Amino acid sequence: MTRAMNERPESACYVPFVGKERNLHMLLYLTVTALHEARKAQLAEMGLTPADSDLMFLVDALGESATPASLSRWFQRKPPTVSVQLDRMEARGLVERRAIQGNKKSKRVVLTGKGRASLEDAMEEDIIAALIGSLSVREHEQLWRLLEKLRGDALSRAKRLRDRAPAGAA
């Protein structure tokens, strides 16, 4: 892989000694990192993390169907990971796990008054919405389609690779 592999000079600006595909991957990574850092800095002023804000947003959006299991599925995280986050947020008074009537095993996750106020503050001036809002409607739609294509292709290839992996392989 040399600079000659890059078709356009701007495709070599992140890691100049590798091909355009690796540079695009680096740009995607750096963009997600920059968005995350902007949101993290904004939420830190409120005593929240992006994970807190995301979880509270999803609990609010899911309403009655917000359970630890559903949150794990939505976030594509293992249940113990979500459980630890819920424990921390419950200790801070942001969420509660409540019994579901007629179901002894499952709990429903709800926002407390403090959690709802924190979510409202976090969403009032959402820096991610402002940054993404700087795209035109056409740019947004185009970026969405391209990212969906890359995501779909990546998931499909990952599944094929996992399916052909020998049994017992990590």
Protein backbone atom coordinates (compact mmCIF):
# COMPACT_ATOMS: atom_id res chain seq x y z
CA MET A 1 0.00 0.00 0.00
CA THR A 2 1.54 3.24 -1.11
CA ARG A 3 0.41 6.76 -1.72
CA ALA A 4 -0.07 5.83 -5.35
CA MET A 5 -3.01 3.65 -4.26
CA ASN A 6 -4.93 6.76 -3.24
CA GLU A 7 -6.96 8.05 -6.13
CA ARG A 8 -7.39 11.56 -4.70
CA PRO A 9 -5.01 13.55 -2.49
CA GLU A 10 -7.68 14.28 0.16
CA SER A 11 -8.12 10.55 0.71
CA ALA A 12 -4.58 10.43 2.09
CA CYS A 13 -4.87 13.14 4.71
CA TYR A 14 -5.48 10.99 7.79
CA VAL A 15 -2.92 8.23 7.35
CA PRO A 16 -0.94 9.29 4.29
CA PHE A 17 0.94 6.03 3.83
CA VAL A 18 -2.10 3.73 3.46
CA GLY A 19 -4.86 3.34 0.89
CA LYS A 20 -8.10 5.28 0.60
CA GLU A 21 -10.17 2.53 2.25
CA ARG A 22 -8.14 2.70 5.48
CA ASN A 23 -8.26 6.50 5.38
CA LEU A 24 -12.05 6.42 5.02
CA HIS A 25 -12.24 4.01 7.95
CA MET A 26 -10.03 6.39 9.96
CA LEU A 27 -12.24 9.34 9.00
CA LEU A 28 -15.38 7.45 10.12
CA TYR A 29 -13.70 6.57 13.42
CA LEU A 30 -12.47 10.13 14.00
CA THR A 31 -15.89 11.58 13.15
CA VAL A 32 -17.72 9.29 15.58
CA THR A 33 -15.08 10.05 18.22
CA ALA A 34 -15.44 13.82 17.67
CA LEU A 35 -19.25 13.63 17.93
CA HIS A 36 -18.95 11.54 21.09
CA GLU A 37 -16.40 13.93 22.64
CA ALA A 38 -18.61 16.96 21.89
CA ARG A 39 -21.63 15.28 23.50
CA LYS A 40 -19.50 14.04 26.42
CA ALA A 41 -18.24 17.57 27.13
CA GLN A 42 -21.76 18.97 26.95
CA LEU A 43 -23.24 16.33 29.26
CA ALA A 44 -20.36 16.53 31.76
CA GLU A 45 -21.64 19.98 32.69
CA MET A 46 -24.85 18.23 33.80
CA GLY A 47 -23.12 15.39 35.62
CA LEU A 48 -24.17 12.87 32.95
CA THR A 49 -22.37 10.61 30.51
CA PRO A 50 -23.45 9.93 26.93
CA ALA A 51 -24.39 6.41 28.06
CA ASP A 52 -26.63 7.87 30.79
CA SER A 53 -28.31 10.21 28.34
CA ASP A 54 -28.78 7.49 25.71
CA LEU A 55 -30.25 5.07 28.24
CA MET A 56 -32.64 7.66 29.66
CA PHE A 57 -33.72 8.65 26.15
CA LEU A 58 -34.45 5.02 25.26
CA VAL A 59 -36.27 4.34 28.54
CA ASP A 60 -38.46 7.35 27.83
CA ALA A 61 -39.05 6.33 24.20
CA LEU A 62 -39.86 2.69 25.04
CA GLY A 63 -42.22 3.66 27.85
CA GLU A 64 -43.95 0.62 29.37
CA SER A 65 -41.79 -1.80 27.37
CA ALA A 66 -38.50 -0.52 28.82
CA THR A 67 -37.02 -3.57 30.55
CA PRO A 68 -33.36 -4.41 31.14
CA ALA A 69 -33.67 -7.11 28.44
CA SER A 70 -35.18 -4.73 25.87
CA LEU A 71 -32.52 -2.10 26.63
CA SER A 72 -29.82 -4.74 26.11
CA ARG A 73 -31.29 -5.65 22.72
CA TRP A 74 -31.63 -2.03 21.60
CA PHE A 75 -28.09 -1.14 22.65
CA GLN A 76 -26.68 -4.46 21.42
CA ARG A 77 -24.99 -4.90 24.79
CA LYS A 78 -24.83 -7.93 27.03
CA PRO A 79 -27.43 -7.87 29.84
CA PRO A 80 -24.79 -7.65 32.62
CA THR A 81 -23.34 -4.51 31.00
CA VAL A 82 -26.75 -2.81 30.97
CA SER A 83 -27.45 -4.06 34.49
CA VAL A 84 -24.27 -2.42 35.85
CA GLN A 85 -25.20 0.85 34.15
CA LEU A 86 -28.73 0.65 35.56
CA ASP A 87 -27.28 -0.02 39.04
CA ARG A 88 -25.15 3.14 38.81
CA MET A 89 -28.02 5.24 37.50
CA GLU A 90 -30.39 3.88 40.13
CA ALA A 91 -27.89 4.78 42.87
CA ARG A 92 -27.85 8.34 41.50
CA GLY A 93 -31.66 8.51 41.52
CA LEU A 94 -32.09 8.73 37.73
CA VAL A 95 -34.01 5.49 37.10
CA GLU A 96 -35.90 2.83 39.02
CA ARG A 97 -36.57 -0.83 38.28
CA ARG A 98 -40.14 -1.69 39.18
CA ALA A 99 -41.92 -5.03 39.28
CA ILE A 100 -44.22 -5.77 36.37
CA GLN A 101 -47.64 -6.82 37.59
CA GLY A 102 -48.20 -10.52 36.90
CA ASN A 103 -44.54 -11.17 36.03
CA LYS A 104 -42.28 -12.14 38.91
CA LYS A 105 -39.09 -12.30 36.82
CA SER A 106 -39.09 -9.10 34.78
CA LYS A 107 -38.72 -5.51 35.89
CA ARG A 108 -39.68 -2.37 34.08
CA VAL A 109 -37.23 0.54 33.97
CA VAL A 110 -38.71 3.99 34.56
CA LEU A 111 -37.28 7.47 34.84
CA THR A 112 -37.51 9.14 38.23
CA GLY A 113 -38.42 12.81 38.50
CA LYS A 114 -34.71 13.60 38.70
CA GLY A 115 -34.06 11.39 35.66
CA ARG A 116 -36.80 13.07 33.63
CA ALA A 117 -35.45 16.54 34.51
CA SER A 118 -31.92 15.42 33.60
CA LEU A 119 -33.14 14.01 30.28
CA GLU A 120 -34.97 17.23 29.47
CA ASP A 121 -31.82 19.23 30.22
CA ALA A 122 -29.70 16.86 28.13
CA MET A 123 -32.05 17.05 25.15
CA GLU A 124 -32.72 20.80 25.35
CA GLU A 125 -29.50 21.73 23.56
CA ASP A 126 -28.40 18.44 22.05
CA ILE A 127 -25.07 19.18 20.40
CA ILE A 128 -25.35 16.04 18.24
CA ALA A 129 -28.65 17.27 16.79
CA ALA A 130 -27.08 20.66 16.12
CA LEU A 131 -24.03 19.15 14.42
CA ILE A 132 -26.02 16.74 12.28
CA GLY A 133 -28.50 19.53 11.63
CA SER A 134 -25.72 21.42 9.85
CA LEU A 135 -26.20 18.99 6.94
CA SER A 136 -28.73 19.86 4.28
CA VAL A 137 -31.70 17.51 3.88
CA ARG A 138 -30.07 16.06 0.77
CA GLU A 139 -26.69 15.59 2.49
CA HIS A 140 -28.39 13.94 5.46
CA GLU A 141 -30.32 11.51 3.23
CA GLN A 142 -27.21 10.70 1.20
CA LEU A 143 -25.06 10.11 4.29
CA TRP A 144 -27.82 7.97 5.81
CA ARG A 145 -28.07 5.75 2.72
CA LEU A 146 -24.30 5.33 2.48
CA LEU A 147 -23.88 4.48 6.16
CA GLU A 148 -26.80 2.01 6.01
CA LYS A 149 -25.12 0.34 3.02
CA LEU A 150 -21.76 0.07 4.81
CA ARG A 151 -23.42 -1.16 8.01
CA GLY A 152 -25.47 -3.78 6.18
CA ASP A 153 -22.47 -5.04 4.22
CA ALA A 154 -20.34 -5.19 7.38
CA LEU A 155 -22.98 -7.11 9.35
CA SER A 156 -23.50 -9.53 6.47
CA ARG A 157 -19.79 -10.21 6.09
CA ALA A 158 -19.33 -10.58 9.84
CA LYS A 159 -22.14 -13.15 9.95
CA ARG A 160 -20.63 -15.12 7.05
CA LEU A 161 -17.22 -15.11 8.75
CA ARG A 162 -18.70 -16.22 12.09
CA ASP A 163 -20.71 -18.97 10.37
CA ARG A 164 -17.63 -20.45 8.75
CA ALA A 165 -15.46 -20.20 11.88
CA PRO A 166 -14.54 -23.55 13.44
CA ALA A 167 -16.64 -24.62 16.43
CA GLY A 168 -15.22 -23.41 19.72
CA ALA A 169 -13.34 -20.49 18.12
CA ALA A 170 -13.61 -17.18 19.97
